C-alpha atoms as a PDB file:
ATOM      1  CA  MET A   1     -17.790  25.567  -4.405  1.00  0.00           C
ATOM      2  CA  ASN A   2     -20.255  26.961  -6.971  1.00  0.00           C
ATOM      3  CA  LEU A   3     -21.139  24.168  -9.374  1.00  0.00           C
ATOM      4  CA  GLN A   4     -22.462  24.593 -12.899  1.00  0.00           C
ATOM      5  CA  PHE A   5     -23.874  21.085 -12.566  1.00  0.00           C
ATOM      6  CA  ASP A   6     -24.229  18.545  -9.780  1.00  0.00           C
ATOM      7  CA  LEU A   7     -23.208  14.899  -9.353  1.00  0.00           C
ATOM      8  CA  SER A   8     -26.585  13.202  -9.482  1.00  0.00           C
ATOM      9  CA  GLU A   9     -27.393  10.119  -7.438  1.00  0.00           C
ATOM     10  CA  MET A  10     -27.437   8.036 -10.622  1.00  0.00           C
ATOM     11  CA  GLU A  11     -24.030   9.384 -11.714  1.00  0.00           C
ATOM     12  CA  PHE A  12     -22.596   8.773  -8.261  1.00  0.00           C
ATOM     13  CA  ARG A  13     -23.714   5.146  -8.432  1.00  0.00           C
ATOM     14  CA  LEU A  14     -22.157   4.756 -11.892  1.00  0.00           C
ATOM     15  CA  PHE A  15     -18.797   5.891 -10.540  1.00  0.00           C
ATOM     16  CA  ARG A  16     -19.159   3.945  -7.296  1.00  0.00           C
ATOM     17  CA  ASP A  17     -20.051   0.638  -8.941  1.00  0.00           C
ATOM     18  CA  PHE A  18     -17.329   0.984 -11.548  1.00  0.00           C
ATOM     19  CA  ILE A  19     -14.649   1.834  -8.949  1.00  0.00           C
ATOM     20  CA  HIS A  20     -15.801  -1.036  -6.759  1.00  0.00           C
ATOM     21  CA  GLU A  21     -15.627  -3.524  -9.601  1.00  0.00           C
ATOM     22  CA  LYS A  22     -12.271  -2.243 -10.848  1.00  0.00           C
ATOM     23  CA  PHE A  23     -10.431  -1.515  -7.595  1.00  0.00           C
ATOM     24  CA  GLY A  24     -12.450  -3.088  -4.780  1.00  0.00           C
ATOM     25  CA  ILE A  25     -12.959   0.280  -3.057  1.00  0.00           C
ATOM     26  CA  TYR A  26     -16.549   1.002  -2.062  1.00  0.00           C
ATOM     27  CA  PHE A  27     -17.823   4.543  -1.558  1.00  0.00           C
ATOM     28  CA  LYS A  28     -20.828   4.697   0.753  1.00  0.00           C
ATOM     29  CA  ASP A  29     -23.754   7.004   0.014  1.00  0.00           C
ATOM     30  CA  GLU A  30     -22.434   9.708   2.327  1.00  0.00           C
ATOM     31  CA  LYS A  31     -19.291   9.977   0.143  1.00  0.00           C
ATOM     32  CA  ARG A  32     -21.242  11.530  -2.731  1.00  0.00           C
ATOM     33  CA  SER A  33     -20.326  15.116  -1.759  1.00  0.00           C
ATOM     34  CA  PHE A  34     -16.681  14.067  -1.299  1.00  0.00           C
ATOM     35  CA  MET A  35     -16.606  12.568  -4.800  1.00  0.00           C
ATOM     36  CA  ARG A  36     -18.272  15.656  -6.260  1.00  0.00           C
ATOM     37  CA  MET A  37     -15.761  17.995  -4.606  1.00  0.00           C
ATOM     38  CA  LYS A  38     -12.750  15.936  -5.698  1.00  0.00           C
ATOM     39  CA  LEU A  39     -13.811  15.347  -9.316  1.00  0.00           C
ATOM     40  CA  TYR A  40     -15.565  18.584 -10.273  1.00  0.00           C
ATOM     41  CA  PRO A  41     -12.382  20.636 -10.951  1.00  0.00           C
ATOM     42  CA  ARG A  42     -11.041  17.838 -13.168  1.00  0.00           C
ATOM     43  CA  VAL A  43     -14.332  17.548 -15.064  1.00  0.00           C
ATOM     44  CA  MET A  44     -14.294  21.292 -15.744  1.00  0.00           C
ATOM     45  CA  THR A  45     -10.627  21.284 -16.768  1.00  0.00           C
ATOM     46  CA  LEU A  46     -11.369  18.667 -19.435  1.00  0.00           C
ATOM     47  CA  GLY A  47     -14.343  20.660 -20.711  1.00  0.00           C
ATOM     48  CA  PHE A  48     -17.122  18.189 -19.948  1.00  0.00           C
ATOM     49  CA  LYS A  49     -20.667  19.447 -19.380  1.00  0.00           C
ATOM     50  CA  SER A  50     -21.661  16.748 -16.903  1.00  0.00           C
ATOM     51  CA  PHE A  51     -20.208  14.061 -14.664  1.00  0.00           C
ATOM     52  CA  ASN A  52     -21.810  11.490 -16.949  1.00  0.00           C
ATOM     53  CA  GLN A  53     -19.749  12.750 -19.911  1.00  0.00           C
ATOM     54  CA  TYR A  54     -16.613  12.361 -17.798  1.00  0.00           C
ATOM     55  CA  PHE A  55     -17.663   8.853 -16.792  1.00  0.00           C
ATOM     56  CA  GLN A  56     -18.319   7.826 -20.401  1.00  0.00           C
ATOM     57  CA  PHE A  57     -14.907   9.200 -21.387  1.00  0.00           C
ATOM     58  CA  ILE A  58     -13.207   7.074 -18.744  1.00  0.00           C
ATOM     59  CA  ARG A  59     -15.138   3.964 -19.739  1.00  0.00           C
ATOM     60  CA  HIS A  60     -14.937   4.164 -23.539  1.00  0.00           C
ATOM     61  CA  ASP A  61     -12.307   6.621 -24.790  1.00  0.00           C
ATOM     62  CA  PRO A  62      -8.827   5.295 -25.775  1.00  0.00           C
ATOM     63  CA  ASP A  63      -7.335   7.757 -23.274  1.00  0.00           C
ATOM     64  CA  GLY A  64      -9.768   6.706 -20.564  1.00  0.00           C
ATOM     65  CA  GLU A  65      -7.358   4.339 -18.828  1.00  0.00           C
ATOM     66  CA  LYS A  66      -4.853   7.123 -18.287  1.00  0.00           C
ATOM     67  CA  GLU A  67      -7.572   9.406 -16.959  1.00  0.00           C
ATOM     68  CA  LEU A  68      -8.826   6.638 -14.674  1.00  0.00           C
ATOM     69  CA  THR A  69      -5.407   6.596 -13.017  1.00  0.00           C
ATOM     70  CA  ARG A  70      -5.627  10.378 -12.581  1.00  0.00           C
ATOM     71  CA  MET A  71      -9.139  10.086 -11.143  1.00  0.00           C
ATOM     72  CA  MET A  72      -8.081   7.497  -8.556  1.00  0.00           C
ATOM     73  CA  SER A  73      -5.224   9.766  -7.512  1.00  0.00           C
ATOM     74  CA  LEU A  74      -7.860  12.373  -6.674  1.00  0.00           C
ATOM     75  CA  LEU A  75     -10.143   9.984  -4.793  1.00  0.00           C
ATOM     76  CA  THR A  76      -7.688   7.981  -2.688  1.00  0.00           C
ATOM     77  CA  ASN A  77      -6.289   9.200   0.611  1.00  0.00           C
ATOM     78  CA  THR A  78      -2.500   9.626   0.681  1.00  0.00           C
ATOM     79  CA  GLU A  79      -2.157  10.843   4.277  1.00  0.00           C
ATOM     80  CA  THR A  80       0.483   8.831   6.113  1.00  0.00           C
ATOM     81  CA  TYR A  81       3.730   9.283   8.043  1.00  0.00           C
ATOM     82  CA  PHE A  82       6.896   7.443   9.077  1.00  0.00           C
ATOM     83  CA  PHE A  83       6.821   4.878  11.914  1.00  0.00           C
ATOM     84  CA  ARG A  84       3.044   4.539  11.903  1.00  0.00           C
ATOM     85  CA  GLU A  85       1.606   1.889  14.283  1.00  0.00           C
ATOM     86  CA  MET A  86       4.880   1.330  16.115  1.00  0.00           C
ATOM     87  CA  PRO A  87       3.921  -1.894  17.968  1.00  0.00           C
ATOM     88  CA  GLN A  88       3.721  -3.731  14.643  1.00  0.00           C
ATOM     89  CA  LEU A  89       7.031  -2.278  13.540  1.00  0.00           C
ATOM     90  CA  ILE A  90       8.692  -3.471  16.753  1.00  0.00           C
ATOM     91  CA  VAL A  91       7.445  -7.004  16.035  1.00  0.00           C
ATOM     92  CA  PHE A  92       8.751  -6.691  12.475  1.00  0.00           C
ATOM     93  CA  ARG A  93      12.187  -5.578  13.694  1.00  0.00           C
ATOM     94  CA  ASP A  94      12.606  -7.745  16.791  1.00  0.00           C
ATOM     95  CA  SER A  95      10.778 -10.954  15.846  1.00  0.00           C
ATOM     96  CA  LEU A  96       9.972 -11.325  12.155  1.00  0.00           C
ATOM     97  CA  LEU A  97      13.305 -10.190  10.722  1.00  0.00           C
ATOM     98  CA  PRO A  98      15.494 -12.313  13.040  1.00  0.00           C
ATOM     99  CA  GLY A  99      13.298 -15.364  12.431  1.00  0.00           C
ATOM    100  CA  LEU A 100      13.368 -14.757   8.696  1.00  0.00           C
ATOM    101  CA  ARG A 101      17.155 -14.382   8.665  1.00  0.00           C
ATOM    102  CA  LYS A 102      17.632 -17.623  10.584  1.00  0.00           C
ATOM    103  CA  LYS A 103      15.357 -19.563   8.257  1.00  0.00           C
ATOM    104  CA  LYS A 104      16.936 -18.092   5.144  1.00  0.00           C
ATOM    105  CA  LEU A 105      20.438 -19.014   6.272  1.00  0.00           C
ATOM    106  CA  GLU A 106      19.296 -22.584   6.949  1.00  0.00           C
ATOM    107  CA  GLN A 107      17.989 -22.718   3.388  1.00  0.00           C
ATOM    108  CA  GLY A 108      21.051 -21.050   1.847  1.00  0.00           C
ATOM    109  CA  ASP A 109      18.855 -18.232   0.548  1.00  0.00           C
ATOM    110  CA  LYS A 110      19.928 -14.617   1.042  1.00  0.00           C
ATOM    111  CA  ASN A 111      16.996 -12.974  -0.734  1.00  0.00           C
ATOM    112  CA  ILE A 112      14.435 -10.961   1.242  1.00  0.00           C
ATOM    113  CA  ARG A 113      11.229  -9.734  -0.420  1.00  0.00           C
ATOM    114  CA  ILE A 114       8.874  -7.408   1.473  1.00  0.00           C
ATOM    115  CA  LEU A 115       5.812  -5.673   0.026  1.00  0.00           C
ATOM    116  CA  SER A 116       3.861  -2.655   1.240  1.00  0.00           C
ATOM    117  CA  ALA A 117       0.484  -2.938  -0.527  1.00  0.00           C
ATOM    118  CA  GLY A 118      -1.275   0.406  -0.683  1.00  0.00           C
ATOM    119  CA  CYS A 119       1.987   2.213   0.057  1.00  0.00           C
ATOM    120  CA  SER A 120       0.676   5.701  -0.776  1.00  0.00           C
ATOM    121  CA  THR A 121       3.568   8.216  -0.717  1.00  0.00           C
ATOM    122  CA  GLY A 122       6.079   5.650   0.528  1.00  0.00           C
ATOM    123  CA  GLU A 123       6.648   6.458   4.189  1.00  0.00           C
ATOM    124  CA  GLU A 124       5.914   2.879   5.228  1.00  0.00           C
ATOM    125  CA  VAL A 125       8.359   1.474   2.671  1.00  0.00           C
ATOM    126  CA  TYR A 126      11.167   3.736   3.851  1.00  0.00           C
ATOM    127  CA  THR A 127      10.315   2.958   7.482  1.00  0.00           C
ATOM    128  CA  LEU A 128      10.713  -0.764   6.804  1.00  0.00           C
ATOM    129  CA  ALA A 129      13.970  -0.040   4.965  1.00  0.00           C
ATOM    130  CA  MET A 130      15.318   1.934   7.927  1.00  0.00           C
ATOM    131  CA  LEU A 131      14.434  -0.779  10.420  1.00  0.00           C
ATOM    132  CA  THR A 132      15.925  -3.503   8.209  1.00  0.00           C
ATOM    133  CA  PHE A 133      19.124  -1.518   7.689  1.00  0.00           C
ATOM    134  CA  GLU A 134      19.410  -0.756  11.409  1.00  0.00           C
ATOM    135  CA  THR A 135      19.470  -4.429  12.370  1.00  0.00           C
ATOM    136  CA  GLY A 136      22.846  -4.770  10.651  1.00  0.00           C
ATOM    137  CA  SER A 137      21.872  -8.340   9.744  1.00  0.00           C
ATOM    138  CA  PHE A 138      21.423  -8.047   5.996  1.00  0.00           C
ATOM    139  CA  PHE A 139      24.753  -6.926   4.577  1.00  0.00           C
ATOM    140  CA  TRP A 140      27.501  -9.059   2.997  1.00  0.00           C
ATOM    141  CA  GLY A 141      25.705 -10.822   0.191  1.00  0.00           C
ATOM    142  CA  TRP A 142      22.093 -10.267   1.154  1.00  0.00           C
ATOM    143  CA  ASP A 143      19.668  -9.040  -1.511  1.00  0.00           C
ATOM    144  CA  VAL A 144      16.889  -7.086   0.204  1.00  0.00           C
ATOM    145  CA  GLN A 145      13.999  -5.622  -1.785  1.00  0.00           C
ATOM    146  CA  ILE A 146      11.250  -3.629  -0.099  1.00  0.00           C
ATOM    147  CA  MET A 147       8.578  -2.813  -2.640  1.00  0.00           C
ATOM    148  CA  GLY A 148       5.698  -0.353  -2.574  1.00  0.00           C
ATOM    149  CA  LEU A 149       2.515  -0.918  -4.577  1.00  0.00           C
ATOM    150  CA  ASP A 150      -0.305   1.565  -5.126  1.00  0.00           C
ATOM    151  CA  ILE A 151      -2.971   2.740  -7.601  1.00  0.00           C
ATOM    152  CA  ASN A 152      -2.178   6.413  -7.028  1.00  0.00           C
ATOM    153  CA  GLU A 153       0.477   7.484  -9.546  1.00  0.00           C
ATOM    154  CA  LYS A 154       0.901  10.921  -7.996  1.00  0.00           C
ATOM    155  CA  ALA A 155       1.614   9.357  -4.612  1.00  0.00           C
ATOM    156  CA  LEU A 156       4.065   6.925  -6.219  1.00  0.00           C
ATOM    157  CA  ASP A 157       5.956   9.826  -7.822  1.00  0.00           C
ATOM    158  CA  THR A 158       6.432  11.285  -4.349  1.00  0.00           C
ATOM    159  CA  ALA A 159       7.596   7.914  -3.043  1.00  0.00           C
ATOM    160  CA  ARG A 160      10.157   7.502  -5.825  1.00  0.00           C
ATOM    161  CA  ARG A 161      11.588  10.963  -5.169  1.00  0.00           C
ATOM    162  CA  GLY A 162      11.871  10.155  -1.468  1.00  0.00           C
ATOM    163  CA  THR A 163      11.575  13.801  -0.427  1.00  0.00           C
ATOM    164  CA  TYR A 164       9.223  14.657   2.440  1.00  0.00           C
ATOM    165  CA  TYR A 165       7.905  17.580   4.438  1.00  0.00           C
ATOM    166  CA  GLU A 166       8.649  17.801   8.155  1.00  0.00           C
ATOM    167  CA  ARG A 167       5.055  16.716   8.930  1.00  0.00           C
ATOM    168  CA  SER A 168       5.801  13.184   7.704  1.00  0.00           C
ATOM    169  CA  PHE A 169       8.374  12.828  10.510  1.00  0.00           C
ATOM    170  CA  ARG A 170       6.032  13.684  13.388  1.00  0.00           C
ATOM    171  CA  MET A 171       6.471  10.212  14.928  1.00  0.00           C
ATOM    172  CA  THR A 172      10.127   9.768  13.952  1.00  0.00           C
ATOM    173  CA  GLU A 173      13.044   9.836  16.372  1.00  0.00           C
ATOM    174  CA  PRO A 174      15.694  12.405  15.338  1.00  0.00           C
ATOM    175  CA  LYS A 175      18.349   9.673  15.072  1.00  0.00           C
ATOM    176  CA  TYR A 176      16.533   8.170  12.072  1.00  0.00           C
ATOM    177  CA  VAL A 177      16.198  11.525  10.332  1.00  0.00           C
ATOM    178  CA  ASN A 178      19.894  12.270  10.841  1.00  0.00           C
ATOM    179  CA  LYS A 179      21.054   8.850   9.683  1.00  0.00           C
ATOM    180  CA  PHE A 180      18.781   8.250   6.711  1.00  0.00           C
ATOM    181  CA  PHE A 181      17.780  11.689   5.340  1.00  0.00           C
ATOM    182  CA  SER A 182      19.506  14.783   4.026  1.00  0.00           C
ATOM    183  CA  PRO A 183      18.070  18.337   4.272  1.00  0.00           C
ATOM    184  CA  ASN A 184      16.871  19.518   0.868  1.00  0.00           C
ATOM    185  CA  SER A 185      15.333  22.993   0.415  1.00  0.00           C
ATOM    186  CA  GLY A 186      13.464  22.857   3.686  1.00  0.00           C
ATOM    187  CA  ASN A 187      12.453  19.213   3.194  1.00  0.00           C
ATOM    188  CA  PHE A 188      14.252  15.917   3.791  1.00  0.00           C
ATOM    189  CA  GLU A 189      15.428  13.514   1.086  1.00  0.00           C
ATOM    190  CA  ALA A 190      16.058   9.802   1.649  1.00  0.00           C
ATOM    191  CA  LYS A 191      19.731   8.850   1.410  1.00  0.00           C
ATOM    192  CA  HIS A 192      21.094   6.121  -0.815  1.00  0.00           C
ATOM    193  CA  ASN A 193      21.564   3.745   2.123  1.00  0.00           C
ATOM    194  CA  ILE A 194      17.800   3.134   2.288  1.00  0.00           C
ATOM    195  CA  LYS A 195      16.729   4.236  -1.207  1.00  0.00           C
ATOM    196  CA  ARG A 196      18.699   1.383  -2.729  1.00  0.00           C
ATOM    197  CA  LEU A 197      16.546  -1.111  -0.809  1.00  0.00           C
ATOM    198  CA  THR A 198      13.282   0.255  -2.210  1.00  0.00           C
ATOM    199  CA  SER A 199      11.218   0.185  -5.395  1.00  0.00           C
ATOM    200  CA  PHE A 200       7.743   1.461  -6.241  1.00  0.00           C
ATOM    201  CA  VAL A 201       5.300   0.129  -8.811  1.00  0.00           C
ATOM    202  CA  TYR A 202       1.789   0.932  -9.969  1.00  0.00           C
ATOM    203  CA  GLY A 203      -0.665  -1.887  -9.395  1.00  0.00           C
ATOM    204  CA  ASN A 204      -4.204  -2.795  -8.419  1.00  0.00           C
ATOM    205  CA  ILE A 205      -4.251  -5.392  -5.651  1.00  0.00           C
ATOM    206  CA  THR A 206      -7.596  -6.761  -6.883  1.00  0.00           C
ATOM    207  CA  GLU A 207      -6.307  -7.608 -10.359  1.00  0.00           C
ATOM    208  CA  PRO A 208      -4.528 -10.942 -10.950  1.00  0.00           C
ATOM    209  CA  ARG A 209      -2.171  -9.381 -13.509  1.00  0.00           C
ATOM    210  CA  THR A 210      -0.666  -7.196 -10.776  1.00  0.00           C
ATOM    211  CA  TRP A 211       0.523 -10.380  -9.055  1.00  0.00           C
ATOM    212  CA  GLU A 212       2.040 -12.074 -12.102  1.00  0.00           C
ATOM    213  CA  SER A 213       5.493 -10.768 -11.138  1.00  0.00           C
ATOM    214  CA  MET A 214       4.850 -10.863  -7.383  1.00  0.00           C
ATOM    215  CA  ASN A 215       5.737 -14.221  -5.901  1.00  0.00           C
ATOM    216  CA  ASN A 216       7.742 -15.726  -3.069  1.00  0.00           C
ATOM    217  CA  LEU A 217       7.199 -12.663  -0.902  1.00  0.00           C
ATOM    218  CA  ASP A 218       8.389 -13.045   2.672  1.00  0.00           C
ATOM    219  CA  ILE A 219       6.236 -10.364   4.300  1.00  0.00           C
ATOM    220  CA  ILE A 220       3.277  -8.280   3.127  1.00  0.00           C
ATOM    221  CA  PHE A 221       2.152  -5.137   4.914  1.00  0.00           C
ATOM    222  CA  CYS A 222      -1.349  -3.965   3.975  1.00  0.00           C
ATOM    223  CA  ARG A 223      -2.451  -1.655   6.745  1.00  0.00           C
ATOM    224  CA  ASN A 224      -5.618   0.453   6.784  1.00  0.00           C
ATOM    225  CA  VAL A 225      -6.383  -0.310   3.144  1.00  0.00           C
ATOM    226  CA  LEU A 226      -8.850  -3.183   3.302  1.00  0.00           C
ATOM    227  CA  ILE A 227     -11.296  -1.278   5.514  1.00  0.00           C
ATOM    228  CA  TYR A 228     -12.547   0.361   2.296  1.00  0.00           C
ATOM    229  CA  PHE A 229     -13.249  -2.968   0.563  1.00  0.00           C
ATOM    230  CA  SER A 230     -16.485  -4.923   0.355  1.00  0.00           C
ATOM    231  CA  GLU A 231     -16.304  -8.482   1.688  1.00  0.00           C
ATOM    232  CA  ASP A 232     -16.217 -10.210  -1.710  1.00  0.00           C
ATOM    233  CA  LYS A 233     -13.346  -8.010  -2.914  1.00  0.00           C
ATOM    234  CA  LEU A 234     -11.608  -8.444   0.428  1.00  0.00           C
ATOM    235  CA  LYS A 235     -11.613 -12.217   0.035  1.00  0.00           C
ATOM    236  CA  ALA A 236     -10.189 -11.932  -3.478  1.00  0.00           C
ATOM    237  CA  VAL A 237      -7.385  -9.643  -2.303  1.00  0.00           C
ATOM    238  CA  ILE A 238      -6.471 -11.865   0.650  1.00  0.00           C
ATOM    239  CA  ASN A 239      -6.338 -14.817  -1.706  1.00  0.00           C
ATOM    240  CA  ASN A 240      -3.933 -12.834  -3.906  1.00  0.00           C
ATOM    241  CA  PHE A 241      -1.779 -12.173  -0.841  1.00  0.00           C
ATOM    242  CA  TYR A 242      -1.856 -15.849   0.073  1.00  0.00           C
ATOM    243  CA  ASN A 243      -0.686 -16.911  -3.386  1.00  0.00           C
ATOM    244  CA  ALA A 244       2.046 -14.268  -3.521  1.00  0.00           C
ATOM    245  CA  LEU A 245       3.566 -15.207  -0.159  1.00  0.00           C
ATOM    246  CA  ARG A 246       6.135 -17.970   0.106  1.00  0.00           C
ATOM    247  CA  ASP A 247       5.457 -20.892   2.435  1.00  0.00           C
ATOM    248  CA  HIS A 248       4.958 -19.604   5.997  1.00  0.00           C
ATOM    249  CA  GLY A 249       5.191 -15.970   4.858  1.00  0.00           C
ATOM    250  CA  CYS A 250       3.619 -13.238   6.990  1.00  0.00           C
ATOM    251  CA  LEU A 251       0.769 -10.779   6.463  1.00  0.00           C
ATOM    252  CA  LEU A 252       0.298  -7.685   8.647  1.00  0.00           C
ATOM    253  CA  LEU A 253      -2.969  -5.744   8.528  1.00  0.00           C
ATOM    254  CA  GLY A 254      -4.170  -2.586  10.251  1.00  0.00           C
ATOM    255  CA  HIS A 255      -5.380  -2.849  13.852  1.00  0.00           C
ATOM    256  CA  SER A 256      -9.023  -2.461  12.786  1.00  0.00           C
ATOM    257  CA  GLU A 257      -8.749  -5.180  10.121  1.00  0.00           C
ATOM    258  CA  THR A 258      -9.126  -8.916  10.656  1.00  0.00           C
ATOM    259  CA  LEU A 259      -9.300 -12.200   8.733  1.00  0.00           C
ATOM    260  CA  THR A 260     -11.527 -13.854  11.350  1.00  0.00           C
ATOM    261  CA  GLY A 261     -14.484 -15.461   9.619  1.00  0.00           C
ATOM    262  CA  ILE A 262     -13.227 -14.304   6.220  1.00  0.00           C
ATOM    263  CA  PHE A 263     -10.182 -16.370   5.276  1.00  0.00           C
ATOM    264  CA  ASP A 264      -8.880 -19.449   7.099  1.00  0.00           C
ATOM    265  CA  LYS A 265      -5.592 -20.147   5.317  1.00  0.00           C
ATOM    266  CA  PHE A 266      -3.553 -18.002   7.709  1.00  0.00           C
ATOM    267  CA  LEU A 267      -2.542 -18.855  11.261  1.00  0.00           C
ATOM    268  CA  PRO A 268      -2.784 -15.858  13.627  1.00  0.00           C
ATOM    269  CA  GLU A 269       0.269 -15.270  15.830  1.00  0.00           C
ATOM    270  CA  ARG A 270      -0.246 -12.988  18.821  1.00  0.00           C
ATOM    271  CA  TYR A 271       2.348 -10.476  19.967  1.00  0.00           C
ATOM    272  CA  PRO A 272       1.954  -7.533  22.379  1.00  0.00           C
ATOM    273  CA  GLU A 273      -0.541  -5.167  20.706  1.00  0.00           C
ATOM    274  CA  THR A 274      -0.033  -6.930  17.370  1.00  0.00           C
ATOM    275  CA  LEU A 275      -1.446  -9.804  15.366  1.00  0.00           C
ATOM    276  CA  VAL A 276       0.575 -11.395  12.559  1.00  0.00           C
ATOM    277  CA  TYR A 277      -1.012 -13.768  10.047  1.00  0.00           C
ATOM    278  CA  ARG A 278       1.276 -16.639   9.015  1.00  0.00           C
ATOM    279  CA  LYS A 279       0.517 -18.506   5.781  1.00  0.00           C
ATOM    280  CA  LYS A 280      -0.530 -22.069   6.535  1.00  0.00           C
ATOM    281  CA  CYS A 281       1.374 -24.722   4.597  1.00  0.00           C
ATOM    282  CA  PRO A 282       1.831 -28.472   4.810  1.00  0.00           C
ATOM    283  CA  GLY A 283       4.871 -29.653   6.757  1.00  0.00           C
ATOM    284  CA  ASN A 284       6.722 -28.184   9.691  1.00  0.00           C
ATOM    285  CA  ASN A 285       5.887 -24.826  11.199  1.00  0.00           C
ATOM    286  CA  PHE A 286       8.144 -21.842  10.513  1.00  0.00           C
END
């Protein structure tokens, strides 16, 4: 790419520090060329003569907030696929859902609330919807909501449409594609049977206002998102998860992510190839 101007070290640090403070995501020094490549076409499209002008626009212009959302769509990775990290999904289907159903029936509560934080283009949300539907345990009066949350509006638009290329199904058994998707112009569109269980919202998991309407969640999935966070932001996000979960609710992280030595208000439960964090609460165990 031939650049009329470069992203200087000082400009890179302006963007990096601002993004870290706002979203918790930290770009290491070696990500400077990545940021330059991703943002340069947008800077040119808007007619700015430097990255600093673009930064000042985002920070101070009345339209800066909208552009900030666009910028984060360019900088965040949306690569994902259905049925990712299957051992965790097996635990979700075979252990967490049956236990949750039993407890809910004892309490006379037929509401299930599941969140995928950092849902990207929605494959994880639809995967959870398929597995929940397949159990056959949540019909006849149950209200199941599986929500996706992300800062990337472009990815969320894809999730809401529910239409995916064949590549997204590379780890999906054909029976799920046949049962839950319809062919659509060479792609596959989610059917109503799982779409009705899902919703997608824009939100920043580091900001308290995102969580004002998120409470009494039963399960939170946040997989391969927190690896990009600094430790102080990580603690703040985990605390948000803790407050949003109902008593004894569950948190599932990516295999390379851990709460050990970071946050002690969750009890780790070990399953084959999977670790589930259960919210500690006074009283009896779940």
